[in-house]
Amino acid sequence: MRSSTPADLAGRCRGCYLPLALCLCAEAPRVDTRTDVLVIRHHKETHKSTNTARIAGLALKRCRIVPYGAPGVAFEPSVLAEPNTWIVFPEAPAPAPDAPPPERLVILDGSWAQARRMYQRIPGLLRLPGIALPPPAPDTRRLRQPPHPYGMSTVEAIAGALALLEGEEVARPLYALHELMIDRVLSCRGLGPSHDEGDDA
């Protein structure tokens, strides 16, 4: 099911995009990390209430979200110029065995097809070393059904990468926030919290 957020956000929170009665902003944790997170978000994701980059931005102190692909708006590749930057993407080359941990992670936020196109088209991404996360369990709760076995929501990808780099205790609040978002969105749709649908980034 596609999210249908009003263009003027009437009755919606401007932070999480959920209906005001279901706003989760006050419940979002504040997660401090050693690693910076740069989310490149496809412009078609910007106003979707199911976009999980938005809640990642609420929770992570060191998270920046930049847009990509909006008509008439050029992407500035200089945002990728920082040294020791890795990307979270299954097709990215593995880092050298003796490489130090990354100082920054790049996450591509969009559908699987959008993320692949961004990976292939944005200058500089193909040369970045990457983290390839294992596919999520088939019974993972979702808001959108990914067409690829490695598909997952953006906040799940961030949490998975941070778990590898900084430990599960850093990732745990992000996974919990994702579960809370699923509950709230399903409640908004009139579905019980146990209903399972699917979610990709």
Protein backbone atom coordinates (compact mmCIF):
# COMPACT_ATOMS: atom_id res chain seq x y z
CA MET A 1 0.00 0.00 0.00
CA ARG A 2 1.34 3.44 -0.94
CA SER A 3 1.38 6.16 1.66
CA SER A 4 -0.87 9.12 0.89
CA THR A 5 0.48 12.04 2.86
CA PRO A 6 -1.36 15.32 2.17
CA ALA A 7 0.86 17.77 0.30
CA ASP A 8 0.20 20.46 2.91
CA LEU A 9 0.65 17.97 5.80
CA ALA A 10 -2.80 18.91 7.10
CA GLY A 11 -3.34 17.06 10.38
CA ARG A 12 0.16 15.62 10.22
CA CYS A 13 3.29 16.17 12.27
CA ARG A 14 5.95 18.02 10.28
CA GLY A 15 8.66 15.98 12.00
CA CYS A 16 7.57 12.37 11.46
CA TYR A 17 4.73 12.96 8.92
CA LEU A 18 2.35 10.79 10.93
CA PRO A 19 -1.10 12.02 12.01
CA LEU A 20 -0.75 14.33 15.00
CA ALA A 21 -2.46 11.84 17.31
CA LEU A 22 0.14 9.19 16.37
CA CYS A 23 3.23 11.43 16.32
CA LEU A 24 6.33 9.57 17.50
CA CYS A 25 8.78 12.50 17.62
CA ALA A 26 8.72 12.72 21.41
CA GLU A 27 9.47 8.99 21.64
CA ALA A 28 12.38 9.00 19.20
CA PRO A 29 15.64 8.17 20.99
CA ARG A 30 18.71 10.37 20.66
CA VAL A 31 21.45 8.05 19.46
CA ASP A 32 25.03 9.30 19.55
CA THR A 33 27.46 7.50 17.25
CA ARG A 34 31.11 7.68 16.38
CA THR A 35 30.18 7.36 12.70
CA ASP A 36 28.55 10.10 10.64
CA VAL A 37 25.61 9.02 8.47
CA LEU A 38 24.87 10.65 5.10
CA VAL A 39 21.52 9.65 3.59
CA ILE A 40 21.03 10.38 -0.11
CA ARG A 41 17.25 10.36 -0.48
CA HIS A 42 15.49 10.00 -3.81
CA HIS A 43 13.13 12.94 -4.24
CA LYS A 44 10.11 10.64 -4.64
CA GLU A 45 10.63 9.46 -1.05
CA THR A 46 10.59 12.95 0.44
CA HIS A 47 6.88 13.21 1.25
CA LYS A 48 6.04 9.56 1.96
CA SER A 49 4.88 8.93 5.51
CA THR A 50 6.51 5.47 5.29
CA ASN A 51 9.96 6.94 4.60
CA THR A 52 12.23 5.70 7.37
CA ALA A 53 15.15 8.04 6.62
CA ARG A 54 13.00 10.67 8.30
CA ILE A 55 12.87 8.82 11.62
CA ALA A 56 16.57 8.00 11.36
CA GLY A 57 17.17 11.73 11.10
CA LEU A 58 15.07 12.28 14.23
CA ALA A 59 17.06 9.75 16.23
CA LEU A 60 20.66 10.10 15.05
CA LYS A 61 22.65 13.09 16.22
CA ARG A 62 25.14 12.70 13.38
CA CYS A 63 22.81 12.18 10.42
CA ARG A 64 22.45 14.38 7.34
CA ILE A 65 19.84 13.85 4.62
CA VAL A 66 20.44 15.28 1.13
CA PRO A 67 17.98 15.07 -1.80
CA TYR A 68 18.63 13.50 -5.18
CA GLY A 69 16.82 13.58 -8.51
CA ALA A 70 14.37 16.44 -8.06
CA PRO A 71 13.63 18.07 -11.44
CA GLY A 72 15.82 21.09 -11.99
CA VAL A 73 17.92 20.45 -8.87
CA ALA A 74 21.47 19.27 -9.51
CA PHE A 75 23.08 16.87 -7.05
CA GLU A 76 26.30 18.24 -5.60
CA PRO A 77 28.86 15.39 -5.58
CA SER A 78 31.16 17.33 -3.25
CA VAL A 79 29.10 15.94 -0.34
CA LEU A 80 30.95 12.67 -0.98
CA ALA A 81 34.41 14.22 -0.77
CA GLU A 82 35.08 13.45 2.90
CA PRO A 83 37.82 10.85 3.39
CA ASN A 84 37.20 7.43 4.89
CA THR A 85 33.62 7.23 3.62
CA TRP A 86 31.97 3.86 3.03
CA ILE A 87 28.63 2.97 1.48
CA VAL A 88 26.05 0.46 2.69
CA PHE A 89 25.12 -1.40 -0.48
CA PRO A 90 25.27 -5.10 -1.40
CA GLU A 91 27.16 -4.54 -4.66
CA ALA A 92 29.87 -2.26 -3.26
CA PRO A 93 33.47 -3.51 -3.17
CA ALA A 94 34.68 -4.78 0.17
CA PRO A 95 37.13 -2.58 2.08
CA ALA A 96 40.77 -3.61 2.37
CA PRO A 97 41.36 -6.08 5.23
CA ASP A 98 43.51 -3.57 7.10
CA ALA A 99 41.26 -0.56 6.45
CA PRO A 100 40.34 1.51 9.52
CA PRO A 101 36.63 1.78 10.39
CA PRO A 102 34.78 4.38 8.31
CA GLU A 103 34.25 7.86 9.64
CA ARG A 104 31.10 8.21 7.55
CA LEU A 105 28.50 5.91 6.01
CA VAL A 106 26.48 6.67 2.89
CA ILE A 107 22.97 5.21 2.72
CA LEU A 108 20.83 5.33 -0.44
CA ASP A 109 17.19 5.98 0.39
CA GLY A 110 14.64 4.92 -2.20
CA SER A 111 13.03 1.85 -3.69
CA TRP A 112 15.40 -0.94 -4.70
CA ALA A 113 15.30 0.23 -8.34
CA GLN A 114 15.87 3.86 -7.34
CA ALA A 115 18.77 2.93 -5.06
CA ARG A 116 20.47 0.93 -7.81
CA ARG A 117 20.13 3.79 -10.28
CA MET A 118 21.55 6.23 -7.72
CA TYR A 119 24.45 3.89 -7.04
CA GLN A 120 25.26 3.67 -10.75
CA ARG A 121 24.69 7.34 -11.64
CA ILE A 122 26.02 9.42 -8.75
CA PRO A 123 29.68 10.21 -9.39
CA GLY A 124 31.99 8.74 -6.80
CA LEU A 125 29.73 6.09 -5.32
CA LEU A 126 31.13 3.17 -7.32
CA ARG A 127 34.62 3.73 -5.93
CA LEU A 128 33.54 3.71 -2.27
CA PRO A 129 34.26 0.61 -0.19
CA GLY A 130 31.10 -0.88 1.19
CA ILE A 131 29.31 -2.81 3.86
CA ALA A 132 27.07 -5.60 2.55
CA LEU A 133 24.45 -6.54 5.12
CA PRO A 134 22.88 -10.02 5.25
CA PRO A 135 19.31 -10.25 3.96
CA PRO A 136 16.65 -9.73 6.61
CA ALA A 137 14.62 -12.68 7.84
CA PRO A 138 11.62 -13.47 5.60
CA ASP A 139 9.19 -12.82 8.47
CA THR A 140 10.55 -9.34 9.26
CA ARG A 141 7.72 -6.85 9.77
CA ARG A 142 7.51 -4.30 6.97
CA LEU A 143 5.46 -1.46 5.54
CA ARG A 144 6.44 -2.05 1.91
CA GLN A 145 7.33 -5.32 0.24
CA PRO A 146 10.89 -5.21 -1.16
CA PRO A 147 11.37 -6.82 -4.61
CA HIS A 148 14.88 -7.98 -3.69
CA PRO A 149 15.88 -10.39 -0.88
CA TYR A 150 18.41 -7.85 0.40
CA GLY A 151 15.85 -5.04 0.48
CA MET A 152 15.25 -3.38 3.82
CA SER A 153 14.16 -0.03 5.16
CA THR A 154 16.70 2.77 5.40
CA VAL A 155 16.63 2.86 9.19
CA GLU A 156 17.20 -0.93 9.26
CA ALA A 157 20.21 -0.54 6.94
CA ILE A 158 21.64 2.19 9.16
CA ALA A 159 21.04 0.11 12.28
CA GLY A 160 22.59 -2.99 10.73
CA ALA A 161 25.72 -1.14 9.65
CA LEU A 162 26.10 0.59 13.01
CA ALA A 163 25.67 -2.75 14.78
CA LEU A 164 28.66 -4.11 12.86
CA LEU A 165 30.78 -1.01 13.44
CA GLU A 166 29.79 0.09 16.94
CA GLY A 167 27.84 -2.75 18.54
CA GLU A 168 24.28 -3.92 18.95
CA GLU A 169 23.59 -1.51 21.81
CA VAL A 170 23.86 1.41 19.35
CA ALA A 171 21.55 -0.25 16.84
CA ARG A 172 18.90 -1.45 19.28
CA PRO A 173 17.09 1.91 19.75
CA LEU A 174 16.86 2.33 15.96
CA TYR A 175 15.29 -1.09 15.50
CA ALA A 176 12.83 -0.30 18.31
CA LEU A 177 11.93 3.02 16.67
CA HIS A 178 11.32 1.21 13.39
CA GLU A 179 8.93 -1.20 15.12
CA LEU A 180 7.11 1.71 16.74
CA MET A 181 6.77 3.42 13.37
CA ILE A 182 5.30 0.26 11.85
CA ASP A 183 2.75 0.06 14.66
CA ARG A 184 1.77 3.72 14.22
CA VAL A 185 1.47 3.55 10.43
CA LEU A 186 -0.61 0.37 10.57
CA SER A 187 -2.82 1.98 13.21
CA CYS A 188 -3.26 4.95 10.89
CA ARG A 189 -4.39 2.53 8.18
CA GLY A 190 -6.86 0.89 10.54
CA LEU A 191 -4.82 -2.29 10.78
CA GLY A 192 -3.80 -4.11 13.95
CA PRO A 193 -0.18 -3.87 15.13
CA SER A 194 0.38 -7.53 14.31
CA HIS A 195 -0.55 -7.09 10.63
CA ASP A 196 2.46 -7.71 8.35
CA GLU A 197 2.87 -6.02 4.97
CA GLY A 198 6.46 -5.16 3.92
CA ASP A 199 8.97 -2.15 3.79
CA ASP A 200 11.95 -1.30 1.61
CA ALA A 201 14.34 1.61 1.43
